[in-house]
Amino acid sequence: MAAGPMKMRATIAGGNTDVRVLMTHPMTTAQSGQPLHFIQNVVVKQNGKTVIEAEISQAVSRNPVFTFRLKGGAKGDKIEVSWVDNKGDSNKIESAVA
């Protein structure tokens, strides 16, 4: 199964920006009997500036949902979330803070 579309919501709450993103990806492990295929790197940018860089592994479930809380922010700020997997596939999504 190939990676599919991503969905994201970014909102202001209590002076912070809350970001919730669904990453459609098979995230297969050795236990599945299939070749390893998992997201390795996730980058979150706010208005073009990298605010989070994360390395993850095959221990994360299929179609993972991640939630991030960014300090500050304002309505209309541009949030971008991207990932690269162990096979070199990548995906990204952009959204304005609501």
N, C-alpha and C. Protein backbone atom coordinates (compact mmCIF):
# COMPACT_ATOMS: atom_id res chain seq x y z
N MET A 1 0.85 -1.17 0.00
CA MET A 1 0.00 0.00 0.00
C MET A 1 0.89 1.23 0.00
N ALA A 2 0.63 2.14 -0.90
CA ALA A 2 1.40 3.38 -0.98
C ALA A 2 0.84 4.40 0.00
N ALA A 3 1.67 5.37 0.31
CA ALA A 3 1.23 6.45 1.19
C ALA A 3 0.13 7.24 0.50
N GLY A 4 -0.83 7.71 1.27
CA GLY A 4 -1.95 8.45 0.72
C GLY A 4 -1.95 9.89 1.19
N PRO A 5 -3.08 10.55 1.02
CA PRO A 5 -3.16 11.96 1.39
C PRO A 5 -3.08 12.16 2.90
N MET A 6 -2.66 13.36 3.27
CA MET A 6 -2.58 13.73 4.68
C MET A 6 -3.73 14.68 4.99
N LYS A 7 -4.11 14.73 6.27
CA LYS A 7 -5.12 15.68 6.73
C LYS A 7 -4.54 16.41 7.93
N MET A 8 -4.81 17.73 8.02
CA MET A 8 -4.25 18.50 9.12
C MET A 8 -5.22 19.58 9.56
N ARG A 9 -5.16 19.87 10.87
CA ARG A 9 -5.93 20.97 11.45
C ARG A 9 -5.00 21.73 12.38
N ALA A 10 -4.99 23.05 12.26
CA ALA A 10 -4.17 23.90 13.14
C ALA A 10 -5.07 24.99 13.70
N THR A 11 -5.09 25.11 15.04
CA THR A 11 -5.95 26.09 15.70
C THR A 11 -5.19 26.78 16.82
N ILE A 12 -5.67 27.96 17.19
CA ILE A 12 -5.12 28.71 18.31
C ILE A 12 -5.89 28.33 19.57
N ALA A 13 -5.15 28.04 20.64
CA ALA A 13 -5.78 27.69 21.93
C ALA A 13 -4.87 28.14 23.06
N GLY A 14 -5.35 29.05 23.88
CA GLY A 14 -4.59 29.48 25.04
C GLY A 14 -3.23 30.09 24.72
N GLY A 15 -3.13 30.81 23.62
CA GLY A 15 -1.86 31.43 23.25
C GLY A 15 -0.89 30.51 22.55
N ASN A 16 -1.30 29.28 22.27
CA ASN A 16 -0.47 28.32 21.56
C ASN A 16 -1.17 27.88 20.28
N THR A 17 -0.39 27.32 19.37
CA THR A 17 -0.95 26.75 18.14
C THR A 17 -0.97 25.23 18.29
N ASP A 18 -2.15 24.64 18.23
CA ASP A 18 -2.30 23.19 18.31
C ASP A 18 -2.44 22.64 16.89
N VAL A 19 -1.58 21.69 16.55
CA VAL A 19 -1.56 21.08 15.22
C VAL A 19 -1.85 19.60 15.38
N ARG A 20 -2.79 19.10 14.58
CA ARG A 20 -3.13 17.66 14.58
C ARG A 20 -3.05 17.21 13.13
N VAL A 21 -2.26 16.18 12.86
CA VAL A 21 -2.06 15.74 11.48
C VAL A 21 -2.18 14.21 11.38
N LEU A 22 -2.92 13.77 10.37
CA LEU A 22 -3.05 12.35 10.04
C LEU A 22 -2.14 12.07 8.86
N MET A 23 -1.22 11.14 9.02
CA MET A 23 -0.28 10.77 7.97
C MET A 23 -0.67 9.39 7.46
N THR A 24 -1.23 9.30 6.30
CA THR A 24 -1.63 8.02 5.74
C THR A 24 -0.38 7.30 5.23
N HIS A 25 -0.04 6.18 5.89
CA HIS A 25 1.17 5.44 5.54
C HIS A 25 1.03 4.02 6.09
N PRO A 26 1.51 2.99 5.36
CA PRO A 26 1.33 1.60 5.81
C PRO A 26 2.13 1.23 7.06
N MET A 27 3.29 1.85 7.29
CA MET A 27 4.10 1.59 8.48
C MET A 27 4.27 0.09 8.75
N THR A 28 4.76 -0.67 7.77
CA THR A 28 4.93 -2.12 7.94
C THR A 28 6.19 -2.43 8.74
N THR A 29 6.11 -3.50 9.52
CA THR A 29 7.23 -3.94 10.36
C THR A 29 7.65 -5.35 9.97
N ALA A 30 8.73 -5.81 10.55
CA ALA A 30 9.19 -7.17 10.29
C ALA A 30 8.16 -8.20 10.75
N GLN A 31 7.39 -7.87 11.78
CA GLN A 31 6.38 -8.79 12.28
C GLN A 31 5.25 -9.02 11.28
N SER A 32 5.05 -8.08 10.34
CA SER A 32 3.97 -8.21 9.36
C SER A 32 4.33 -9.19 8.25
N GLY A 33 5.61 -9.58 8.18
CA GLY A 33 6.04 -10.48 7.11
C GLY A 33 6.31 -9.74 5.81
N GLN A 34 6.17 -8.45 5.81
CA GLN A 34 6.44 -7.61 4.64
C GLN A 34 7.73 -6.84 4.87
N PRO A 35 8.33 -6.32 3.78
CA PRO A 35 9.54 -5.51 3.97
C PRO A 35 9.25 -4.27 4.83
N LEU A 36 10.24 -3.84 5.60
CA LEU A 36 10.07 -2.64 6.42
C LEU A 36 9.73 -1.44 5.55
N HIS A 37 8.76 -0.68 5.97
CA HIS A 37 8.34 0.54 5.27
C HIS A 37 7.72 1.45 6.32
N PHE A 38 8.47 2.48 6.72
CA PHE A 38 8.00 3.33 7.81
C PHE A 38 8.52 4.76 7.65
N ILE A 39 7.80 5.69 8.24
CA ILE A 39 8.21 7.09 8.24
C ILE A 39 9.43 7.22 9.15
N GLN A 40 10.47 7.91 8.66
CA GLN A 40 11.69 8.09 9.45
C GLN A 40 11.83 9.51 9.99
N ASN A 41 11.51 10.50 9.18
CA ASN A 41 11.72 11.89 9.58
C ASN A 41 10.45 12.70 9.40
N VAL A 42 10.15 13.53 10.38
CA VAL A 42 9.01 14.45 10.33
C VAL A 42 9.54 15.84 10.62
N VAL A 43 9.11 16.82 9.80
CA VAL A 43 9.50 18.21 9.99
C VAL A 43 8.24 19.06 10.03
N VAL A 44 8.17 19.94 11.04
CA VAL A 44 7.06 20.89 11.17
C VAL A 44 7.63 22.29 11.02
N LYS A 45 7.02 23.08 10.12
CA LYS A 45 7.45 24.46 9.90
C LYS A 45 6.30 25.39 10.19
N GLN A 46 6.63 26.54 10.78
CA GLN A 46 5.65 27.59 11.04
C GLN A 46 6.15 28.83 10.30
N ASN A 47 5.35 29.29 9.33
CA ASN A 47 5.73 30.43 8.50
C ASN A 47 7.12 30.25 7.88
N GLY A 48 7.41 29.02 7.43
CA GLY A 48 8.67 28.73 6.74
C GLY A 48 9.85 28.42 7.65
N LYS A 49 9.69 28.59 8.96
CA LYS A 49 10.77 28.32 9.91
C LYS A 49 10.56 26.96 10.56
N THR A 50 11.59 26.12 10.54
CA THR A 50 11.50 24.80 11.16
C THR A 50 11.38 24.95 12.66
N VAL A 51 10.31 24.37 13.23
CA VAL A 51 10.07 24.44 14.67
C VAL A 51 10.16 23.06 15.33
N ILE A 52 10.00 21.99 14.56
CA ILE A 52 10.13 20.63 15.09
C ILE A 52 10.78 19.77 14.01
N GLU A 53 11.78 18.98 14.43
CA GLU A 53 12.36 17.94 13.59
C GLU A 53 12.35 16.67 14.44
N ALA A 54 11.79 15.61 13.92
CA ALA A 54 11.69 14.37 14.69
C ALA A 54 12.10 13.17 13.86
N GLU A 55 12.75 12.22 14.51
CA GLU A 55 13.06 10.93 13.91
C GLU A 55 12.18 9.90 14.59
N ILE A 56 11.45 9.12 13.79
CA ILE A 56 10.61 8.07 14.35
C ILE A 56 11.00 6.74 13.72
N SER A 57 10.38 5.67 14.16
CA SER A 57 10.77 4.35 13.68
C SER A 57 9.54 3.50 13.35
N GLN A 58 9.80 2.24 13.05
CA GLN A 58 8.72 1.32 12.70
C GLN A 58 7.83 0.99 13.89
N ALA A 59 8.15 1.49 15.08
CA ALA A 59 7.33 1.22 16.27
C ALA A 59 6.04 2.03 16.28
N VAL A 60 5.84 2.90 15.30
CA VAL A 60 4.64 3.73 15.21
C VAL A 60 3.61 3.01 14.35
N SER A 61 2.34 3.09 14.75
CA SER A 61 1.27 2.35 14.06
C SER A 61 0.98 2.89 12.66
N ARG A 62 0.27 2.08 11.90
CA ARG A 62 -0.16 2.45 10.56
C ARG A 62 -1.05 3.70 10.63
N ASN A 63 -0.94 4.57 9.63
CA ASN A 63 -1.71 5.82 9.55
C ASN A 63 -1.63 6.61 10.85
N PRO A 64 -0.41 6.99 11.24
CA PRO A 64 -0.25 7.67 12.53
C PRO A 64 -0.89 9.06 12.56
N VAL A 65 -1.35 9.42 13.74
CA VAL A 65 -1.86 10.77 14.02
C VAL A 65 -0.90 11.39 15.02
N PHE A 66 -0.36 12.56 14.67
CA PHE A 66 0.54 13.28 15.56
C PHE A 66 -0.11 14.59 15.96
N THR A 67 0.11 15.00 17.20
CA THR A 67 -0.36 16.28 17.70
C THR A 67 0.84 17.05 18.23
N PHE A 68 0.94 18.31 17.82
CA PHE A 68 2.02 19.17 18.25
C PHE A 68 1.43 20.44 18.85
N ARG A 69 2.06 20.97 19.88
CA ARG A 69 1.68 22.26 20.44
C ARG A 69 2.86 23.20 20.25
N LEU A 70 2.62 24.26 19.47
CA LEU A 70 3.65 25.24 19.20
C LEU A 70 3.39 26.49 20.02
N LYS A 71 4.43 27.04 20.61
CA LYS A 71 4.28 28.23 21.44
C LYS A 71 3.97 29.44 20.55
N GLY A 72 2.94 30.18 20.93
CA GLY A 72 2.57 31.39 20.18
C GLY A 72 1.82 31.06 18.91
N GLY A 73 1.91 31.98 17.97
CA GLY A 73 1.23 31.81 16.70
C GLY A 73 0.03 32.73 16.60
N ALA A 74 -0.50 32.84 15.39
CA ALA A 74 -1.65 33.71 15.14
C ALA A 74 -2.49 33.11 14.02
N LYS A 75 -3.75 33.50 13.98
CA LYS A 75 -4.62 33.05 12.88
C LYS A 75 -3.98 33.47 11.56
N GLY A 76 -4.03 32.56 10.60
CA GLY A 76 -3.46 32.81 9.29
C GLY A 76 -2.02 32.37 9.13
N ASP A 77 -1.32 32.05 10.24
CA ASP A 77 0.04 31.53 10.13
C ASP A 77 0.03 30.28 9.26
N LYS A 78 1.09 30.09 8.49
CA LYS A 78 1.20 28.92 7.61
C LYS A 78 1.95 27.81 8.36
N ILE A 79 1.32 26.65 8.45
CA ILE A 79 1.92 25.46 9.08
C ILE A 79 2.15 24.43 7.97
N GLU A 80 3.33 23.87 7.94
CA GLU A 80 3.67 22.82 6.98
C GLU A 80 4.22 21.62 7.74
N VAL A 81 3.71 20.44 7.44
CA VAL A 81 4.21 19.20 8.02
C VAL A 81 4.63 18.29 6.87
N SER A 82 5.85 17.78 6.95
CA SER A 82 6.34 16.88 5.89
C SER A 82 7.03 15.68 6.53
N TRP A 83 7.10 14.61 5.76
CA TRP A 83 7.80 13.41 6.23
C TRP A 83 8.54 12.76 5.08
N VAL A 84 9.55 11.94 5.45
CA VAL A 84 10.30 11.11 4.51
C VAL A 84 10.38 9.72 5.13
N ASP A 85 10.14 8.69 4.31
CA ASP A 85 10.20 7.33 4.87
C ASP A 85 11.50 6.62 4.49
N ASN A 86 11.66 5.40 4.96
CA ASN A 86 12.90 4.66 4.76
C ASN A 86 13.12 4.22 3.32
N LYS A 87 12.13 4.39 2.45
CA LYS A 87 12.28 4.06 1.03
C LYS A 87 12.48 5.32 0.19
N GLY A 88 12.55 6.47 0.84
CA GLY A 88 12.76 7.72 0.13
C GLY A 88 11.48 8.41 -0.32
N ASP A 89 10.32 7.79 -0.05
CA ASP A 89 9.05 8.45 -0.37
C ASP A 89 8.84 9.60 0.58
N SER A 90 8.08 10.60 0.15
CA SER A 90 7.83 11.75 1.01
C SER A 90 6.43 12.29 0.75
N ASN A 91 5.97 13.12 1.66
CA ASN A 91 4.66 13.75 1.54
C ASN A 91 4.68 15.00 2.40
N LYS A 92 3.82 15.96 2.08
CA LYS A 92 3.72 17.15 2.92
C LYS A 92 2.33 17.75 2.77
N ILE A 93 1.97 18.53 3.77
CA ILE A 93 0.70 19.22 3.76
C ILE A 93 0.92 20.61 4.36
N GLU A 94 0.19 21.58 3.85
CA GLU A 94 0.24 22.94 4.36
C GLU A 94 -1.17 23.38 4.73
N SER A 95 -1.25 24.21 5.75
CA SER A 95 -2.55 24.71 6.18
C SER A 95 -2.35 26.03 6.92
N ALA A 96 -3.37 26.87 6.89
CA ALA A 96 -3.33 28.11 7.67
C ALA A 96 -3.99 27.85 9.02
N VAL A 97 -3.47 28.51 10.04
CA VAL A 97 -4.04 28.38 11.38
C VAL A 97 -5.41 29.03 11.40
N ALA A 98 -6.41 28.31 11.91
CA ALA A 98 -7.77 28.83 11.96
C ALA A 98 -8.07 29.46 13.31
